[in-house]
Amino acid sequence: MANAKSIRGGSVLVHLSEETNQLLVESSKRSGRSKTREAKIRLEDSLRSFSDLAATGRRFESATDCE
């Protein structure tokens, strides 16, 4: 039987502002996914799409997007 320590990957606890939480709730409703699943998909997409966040509102595209 697998326990939490044997599952590959990891987990994080994130505290969201009320505004960000509301945006995530609305997005999850539109997609039909749970809020947790929506957050996971969006985080994965963001990390693949942008290599870095230089500052709030400024992003660097990933190296694969620049080719």
PDB file of N, CA and C in Angstrom:
ATOM      1  N   MET A   1       0.835  -1.178   0.000  1.00  0.00           N
ATOM      2  CA  MET A   1       0.000   0.000   0.000  1.00  0.00           C
ATOM      3  C   MET A   1       0.884   1.248   0.000  1.00  0.00           C
ATOM      4  N   ALA A   2       0.594   2.196  -0.891  1.00  0.00           N
ATOM      5  CA  ALA A   2       1.395   3.415  -0.997  1.00  0.00           C
ATOM      6  C   ALA A   2       1.005   4.402   0.094  1.00  0.00           C
ATOM      7  N   ASN A   3       2.006   5.063   0.634  1.00  0.00           N
ATOM      8  CA  ASN A   3       1.711   6.137   1.570  1.00  0.00           C
ATOM      9  C   ASN A   3       2.184   7.447   0.953  1.00  0.00           C
ATOM     10  N   ALA A   4       1.936   8.562   1.630  1.00  0.00           N
ATOM     11  CA  ALA A   4       2.260   9.876   1.081  1.00  0.00           C
ATOM     12  C   ALA A   4       3.739  10.011   0.747  1.00  0.00           C
ATOM     13  N   LYS A   5       4.622   9.375   1.508  1.00  0.00           N
ATOM     14  CA  LYS A   5       6.056   9.505   1.257  1.00  0.00           C
ATOM     15  C   LYS A   5       6.501   8.756   0.011  1.00  0.00           C
ATOM     16  N   SER A   6       5.729   7.753  -0.420  1.00  0.00           N
ATOM     17  CA  SER A   6       6.143   6.967  -1.579  1.00  0.00           C
ATOM     18  C   SER A   6       5.590   7.518  -2.895  1.00  0.00           C
ATOM     19  N   ILE A   7       4.732   8.514  -2.838  1.00  0.00           N
ATOM     20  CA  ILE A   7       4.173   9.101  -4.055  1.00  0.00           C
ATOM     21  C   ILE A   7       5.202  10.030  -4.677  1.00  0.00           C
ATOM     22  N   ARG A   8       5.439   9.855  -5.974  1.00  0.00           N
ATOM     23  CA  ARG A   8       6.403  10.710  -6.667  1.00  0.00           C
ATOM     24  C   ARG A   8       5.831  12.111  -6.832  1.00  0.00           C
ATOM     25  N   GLY A   9       6.720  13.089  -6.916  1.00  0.00           N
ATOM     26  CA  GLY A   9       6.277  14.470  -7.039  1.00  0.00           C
ATOM     27  C   GLY A   9       6.299  15.141  -5.691  1.00  0.00           C
ATOM     28  N   GLY A  10       5.439  16.070  -5.504  1.00  0.00           N
ATOM     29  CA  GLY A  10       5.412  16.778  -4.238  1.00  0.00           C
ATOM     30  C   GLY A  10       4.134  17.574  -4.109  1.00  0.00           C
ATOM     31  N   SER A  11       4.014  18.258  -3.031  1.00  0.00           N
ATOM     32  CA  SER A  11       2.853  19.105  -2.809  1.00  0.00           C
ATOM     33  C   SER A  11       3.312  20.399  -2.156  1.00  0.00           C
ATOM     34  N   VAL A  12       2.503  21.426  -2.313  1.00  0.00           N
ATOM     35  CA  VAL A  12       2.788  22.718  -1.698  1.00  0.00           C
ATOM     36  C   VAL A  12       1.489  23.270  -1.116  1.00  0.00           C
ATOM     37  N   LEU A  13       1.629  24.073  -0.107  1.00  0.00           N
ATOM     38  CA  LEU A  13       0.506  24.792   0.467  1.00  0.00           C
ATOM     39  C   LEU A  13       0.680  26.248   0.067  1.00  0.00           C
ATOM     40  N   VAL A  14      -0.324  26.802  -0.575  1.00  0.00           N
ATOM     41  CA  VAL A  14      -0.237  28.170  -1.077  1.00  0.00           C
ATOM     42  C   VAL A  14      -1.376  28.989  -0.483  1.00  0.00           C
ATOM     43  N   HIS A  15      -1.057  30.144   0.033  1.00  0.00           N
ATOM     44  CA  HIS A  15      -2.068  31.068   0.542  1.00  0.00           C
ATOM     45  C   HIS A  15      -2.367  32.073  -0.563  1.00  0.00           C
ATOM     46  N   LEU A  16      -3.626  32.163  -0.966  1.00  0.00           N
ATOM     47  CA  LEU A  16      -4.037  33.043  -2.052  1.00  0.00           C
ATOM     48  C   LEU A  16      -4.763  34.266  -1.503  1.00  0.00           C
ATOM     49  N   SER A  17      -4.628  35.371  -2.205  1.00  0.00           N
ATOM     50  CA  SER A  17      -5.428  36.543  -1.866  1.00  0.00           C
ATOM     51  C   SER A  17      -6.884  36.223  -2.193  1.00  0.00           C
ATOM     52  N   GLU A  18      -7.794  36.989  -1.653  1.00  0.00           N
ATOM     53  CA  GLU A  18      -9.214  36.769  -1.949  1.00  0.00           C
ATOM     54  C   GLU A  18      -9.474  36.897  -3.446  1.00  0.00           C
ATOM     55  N   GLU A  19      -8.846  37.875  -4.080  1.00  0.00           N
ATOM     56  CA  GLU A  19      -9.038  38.092  -5.518  1.00  0.00           C
ATOM     57  C   GLU A  19      -8.529  36.905  -6.336  1.00  0.00           C
ATOM     58  N   THR A  20      -7.325  36.425  -6.014  1.00  0.00           N
ATOM     59  CA  THR A  20      -6.760  35.294  -6.744  1.00  0.00           C
ATOM     60  C   THR A  20      -7.589  34.044  -6.514  1.00  0.00           C
ATOM     61  N   ASN A  21      -8.039  33.827  -5.296  1.00  0.00           N
ATOM     62  CA  ASN A  21      -8.884  32.679  -4.997  1.00  0.00           C
ATOM     63  C   ASN A  21     -10.171  32.742  -5.817  1.00  0.00           C
ATOM     64  N   GLN A  22     -10.778  33.914  -5.894  1.00  0.00           N
ATOM     65  CA  GLN A  22     -12.012  34.056  -6.661  1.00  0.00           C
ATOM     66  C   GLN A  22     -11.777  33.772  -8.139  1.00  0.00           C
ATOM     67  N   LEU A  23     -10.661  34.259  -8.686  1.00  0.00           N
ATOM     68  CA  LEU A  23     -10.333  33.977 -10.083  1.00  0.00           C
ATOM     69  C   LEU A  23     -10.156  32.478 -10.311  1.00  0.00           C
ATOM     70  N   LEU A  24      -9.521  31.810  -9.365  1.00  0.00           N
ATOM     71  CA  LEU A  24      -9.321  30.365  -9.470  1.00  0.00           C
ATOM     72  C   LEU A  24     -10.646  29.617  -9.361  1.00  0.00           C
ATOM     73  N   VAL A  25     -11.512  30.043  -8.475  1.00  0.00           N
ATOM     74  CA  VAL A  25     -12.838  29.423  -8.332  1.00  0.00           C
ATOM     75  C   VAL A  25     -13.610  29.569  -9.634  1.00  0.00           C
ATOM     76  N   GLU A  26     -13.622  30.771 -10.211  1.00  0.00           N
ATOM     77  CA  GLU A  26     -14.346  31.010 -11.456  1.00  0.00           C
ATOM     78  C   GLU A  26     -13.771  30.166 -12.591  1.00  0.00           C
ATOM     79  N   SER A  27     -12.452  30.091 -12.659  1.00  0.00           N
ATOM     80  CA  SER A  27     -11.796  29.301 -13.699  1.00  0.00           C
ATOM     81  C   SER A  27     -12.120  27.821 -13.558  1.00  0.00           C
ATOM     82  N   SER A  28     -12.123  27.325 -12.330  1.00  0.00           N
ATOM     83  CA  SER A  28     -12.419  25.908 -12.117  1.00  0.00           C
ATOM     84  C   SER A  28     -13.862  25.592 -12.480  1.00  0.00           C
ATOM     85  N   LYS A  29     -14.771  26.519 -12.221  1.00  0.00           N
ATOM     86  CA  LYS A  29     -16.172  26.309 -12.595  1.00  0.00           C
ATOM     87  C   LYS A  29     -16.328  26.268 -14.108  1.00  0.00           C
ATOM     88  N   ARG A  30     -15.645  27.177 -14.805  1.00  0.00           N
ATOM     89  CA  ARG A  30     -15.729  27.193 -16.270  1.00  0.00           C
ATOM     90  C   ARG A  30     -15.183  25.912 -16.878  1.00  0.00           C
ATOM     91  N   SER A  31     -14.113  25.391 -16.300  1.00  0.00           N
ATOM     92  CA  SER A  31     -13.470  24.206 -16.864  1.00  0.00           C
ATOM     93  C   SER A  31     -14.113  22.899 -16.399  1.00  0.00           C
ATOM     94  N   GLY A  32     -14.895  22.962 -15.315  1.00  0.00           N
ATOM     95  CA  GLY A  32     -15.499  21.751 -14.767  1.00  0.00           C
ATOM     96  C   GLY A  32     -14.529  20.932 -13.927  1.00  0.00           C
ATOM     97  N   ARG A  33     -13.389  21.531 -13.573  1.00  0.00           N
ATOM     98  CA  ARG A  33     -12.397  20.831 -12.747  1.00  0.00           C
ATOM     99  C   ARG A  33     -12.505  21.306 -11.302  1.00  0.00           C
ATOM    100  N   SER A  34     -11.941  20.526 -10.401  1.00  0.00           N
ATOM    101  CA  SER A  34     -11.859  20.964  -9.009  1.00  0.00           C
ATOM    102  C   SER A  34     -10.883  22.137  -8.932  1.00  0.00           C
ATOM    103  N   LYS A  35     -10.979  22.896  -7.870  1.00  0.00           N
ATOM    104  CA  LYS A  35     -10.067  24.033  -7.693  1.00  0.00           C
ATOM    105  C   LYS A  35      -8.623  23.553  -7.589  1.00  0.00           C
ATOM    106  N   THR A  36      -8.409  22.438  -6.904  1.00  0.00           N
ATOM    107  CA  THR A  36      -7.055  21.888  -6.776  1.00  0.00           C
ATOM    108  C   THR A  36      -6.499  21.476  -8.129  1.00  0.00           C
ATOM    109  N   ARG A  37      -7.302  20.785  -8.925  1.00  0.00           N
ATOM    110  CA  ARG A  37      -6.857  20.339 -10.253  1.00  0.00           C
ATOM    111  C   ARG A  37      -6.587  21.544 -11.155  1.00  0.00           C
ATOM    112  N   GLU A  38      -7.440  22.549 -11.086  1.00  0.00           N
ATOM    113  CA  GLU A  38      -7.255  23.760 -11.890  1.00  0.00           C
ATOM    114  C   GLU A  38      -5.953  24.457 -11.513  1.00  0.00           C
ATOM    115  N   ALA A  39      -5.682  24.566 -10.216  1.00  0.00           N
ATOM    116  CA  ALA A  39      -4.445  25.204  -9.763  1.00  0.00           C
ATOM    117  C   ALA A  39      -3.229  24.419 -10.240  1.00  0.00           C
ATOM    118  N   LYS A  40      -3.286  23.097 -10.170  1.00  0.00           N
ATOM    119  CA  LYS A  40      -2.172  22.248 -10.621  1.00  0.00           C
ATOM    120  C   LYS A  40      -1.901  22.445 -12.104  1.00  0.00           C
ATOM    121  N   ILE A  41      -2.950  22.402 -12.911  1.00  0.00           N
ATOM    122  CA  ILE A  41      -2.786  22.556 -14.356  1.00  0.00           C
ATOM    123  C   ILE A  41      -2.236  23.932 -14.693  1.00  0.00           C
ATOM    124  N   ARG A  42      -2.758  24.964 -14.042  1.00  0.00           N
ATOM    125  CA  ARG A  42      -2.297  26.325 -14.328  1.00  0.00           C
ATOM    126  C   ARG A  42      -0.849  26.543 -13.879  1.00  0.00           C
ATOM    127  N   LEU A  43      -0.474  25.987 -12.741  1.00  0.00           N
ATOM    128  CA  LEU A  43       0.906  26.111 -12.280  1.00  0.00           C
ATOM    129  C   LEU A  43       1.855  25.400 -13.238  1.00  0.00           C
ATOM    130  N   GLU A  44       1.502  24.177 -13.635  1.00  0.00           N
ATOM    131  CA  GLU A  44       2.347  23.441 -14.585  1.00  0.00           C
ATOM    132  C   GLU A  44       2.498  24.203 -15.897  1.00  0.00           C
ATOM    133  N   ASP A  45       1.388  24.750 -16.406  1.00  0.00           N
ATOM    134  CA  ASP A  45       1.429  25.503 -17.656  1.00  0.00           C
ATOM    135  C   ASP A  45       2.310  26.747 -17.526  1.00  0.00           C
ATOM    136  N   SER A  46       2.177  27.449 -16.436  1.00  0.00           N
ATOM    137  CA  SER A  46       2.973  28.654 -16.215  1.00  0.00           C
ATOM    138  C   SER A  46       4.464  28.335 -16.139  1.00  0.00           C
ATOM    139  N   LEU A  47       4.812  27.279 -15.418  1.00  0.00           N
ATOM    140  CA  LEU A  47       6.223  26.920 -15.271  1.00  0.00           C
ATOM    141  C   LEU A  47       6.824  26.446 -16.591  1.00  0.00           C
ATOM    142  N   ARG A  48       6.015  25.815 -17.442  1.00  0.00           N
ATOM    143  CA  ARG A  48       6.509  25.387 -18.759  1.00  0.00           C
ATOM    144  C   ARG A  48       6.605  26.563 -19.733  1.00  0.00           C
ATOM    145  N   SER A  49       5.703  27.522 -19.601  1.00  0.00           N
ATOM    146  CA  SER A  49       5.618  28.628 -20.554  1.00  0.00           C
ATOM    147  C   SER A  49       6.606  29.750 -20.279  1.00  0.00           C
ATOM    148  N   PHE A  50       6.957  29.946 -19.032  1.00  0.00           N
ATOM    149  CA  PHE A  50       7.810  31.067 -18.665  1.00  0.00           C
ATOM    150  C   PHE A  50       8.998  30.574 -17.856  1.00  0.00           C
ATOM    151  N   SER A  51      10.194  30.914 -18.323  1.00  0.00           N
ATOM    152  CA  SER A  51      11.397  30.451 -17.637  1.00  0.00           C
ATOM    153  C   SER A  51      11.650  31.207 -16.340  1.00  0.00           C
ATOM    154  N   ASP A  52      11.126  32.425 -16.263  1.00  0.00           N
ATOM    155  CA  ASP A  52      11.404  33.250 -15.095  1.00  0.00           C
ATOM    156  C   ASP A  52      10.369  34.354 -14.989  1.00  0.00           C
ATOM    157  N   LEU A  53      10.176  34.863 -13.811  1.00  0.00           N
ATOM    158  CA  LEU A  53       9.403  36.074 -13.584  1.00  0.00           C
ATOM    159  C   LEU A  53      10.384  37.121 -13.094  1.00  0.00           C
ATOM    160  N   ALA A  54      10.670  38.097 -13.936  1.00  0.00           N
ATOM    161  CA  ALA A  54      11.636  39.123 -13.553  1.00  0.00           C
ATOM    162  C   ALA A  54      11.051  40.033 -12.492  1.00  0.00           C
ATOM    163  N   ALA A  55       9.794  40.348 -12.650  1.00  0.00           N
ATOM    164  CA  ALA A  55       9.069  41.181 -11.707  1.00  0.00           C
ATOM    165  C   ALA A  55       7.589  40.977 -11.990  1.00  0.00           C
ATOM    166  N   THR A  56       6.769  41.384 -11.084  1.00  0.00           N
ATOM    167  CA  THR A  56       5.339  41.238 -11.295  1.00  0.00           C
ATOM    168  C   THR A  56       4.949  41.879 -12.619  1.00  0.00           C
ATOM    169  N   GLY A  57       4.293  41.116 -13.453  1.00  0.00           N
ATOM    170  CA  GLY A  57       3.836  41.628 -14.737  1.00  0.00           C
ATOM    171  C   GLY A  57       4.834  41.498 -15.869  1.00  0.00           C
ATOM    172  N   ARG A  58       6.077  41.136 -15.587  1.00  0.00           N
ATOM    173  CA  ARG A  58       7.102  40.954 -16.622  1.00  0.00           C
ATOM    174  C   ARG A  58       7.528  39.508 -16.626  1.00  0.00           C
ATOM    175  N   ARG A  59       7.485  38.896 -17.801  1.00  0.00           N
ATOM    176  CA  ARG A  59       7.831  37.488 -17.906  1.00  0.00           C
ATOM    177  C   ARG A  59       8.817  37.268 -19.030  1.00  0.00           C
ATOM    178  N   PHE A  60       9.617  36.244 -18.882  1.00  0.00           N
ATOM    179  CA  PHE A  60      10.502  35.793 -19.928  1.00  0.00           C
ATOM    180  C   PHE A  60       9.944  34.488 -20.474  1.00  0.00           C
ATOM    181  N   GLU A  61       9.744  34.423 -21.782  1.00  0.00           N
ATOM    182  CA  GLU A  61       9.261  33.183 -22.367  1.00  0.00           C
ATOM    183  C   GLU A  61      10.329  32.117 -22.181  1.00  0.00           C
ATOM    184  N   SER A  62       9.890  30.859 -22.165  1.00  0.00           N
ATOM    185  CA  SER A  62      10.855  29.769 -22.024  1.00  0.00           C
ATOM    186  C   SER A  62      11.720  29.705 -23.274  1.00  0.00           C
ATOM    187  N   ALA A  63      12.876  29.117 -23.140  1.00  0.00           N
ATOM    188  CA  ALA A  63      13.834  29.031 -24.246  1.00  0.00           C
ATOM    189  C   ALA A  63      13.233  28.326 -25.442  1.00  0.00           C
ATOM    190  N   THR A  64      12.368  27.354 -25.224  1.00  0.00           N
ATOM    191  CA  THR A  64      11.776  26.609 -26.341  1.00  0.00           C
ATOM    192  C   THR A  64      10.808  27.483 -27.132  1.00  0.00           C
ATOM    193  N   ASP A  65      10.219  28.502 -26.510  1.00  0.00           N
ATOM    194  CA  ASP A  65       9.314  29.391 -27.217  1.00  0.00           C
ATOM    195  C   ASP A  65      10.038  30.411 -28.074  1.00  0.00           C
ATOM    196  N   CYS A  66      11.314  30.632 -27.796  1.00  0.00           N
ATOM    197  CA  CYS A  66      12.081  31.662 -28.507  1.00  0.00           C
ATOM    198  C   CYS A  66      12.730  31.129 -29.771  1.00  0.00           C
ATOM    199  N   GLU A  67      12.722  29.822 -29.963  1.00  0.00           N
ATOM    200  CA  GLU A  67      13.398  29.235 -31.121  1.00  0.00           C
ATOM    201  C   GLU A  67      12.624  29.441 -32.393  1.00  0.00           C
TER     202      GLU A  67
END
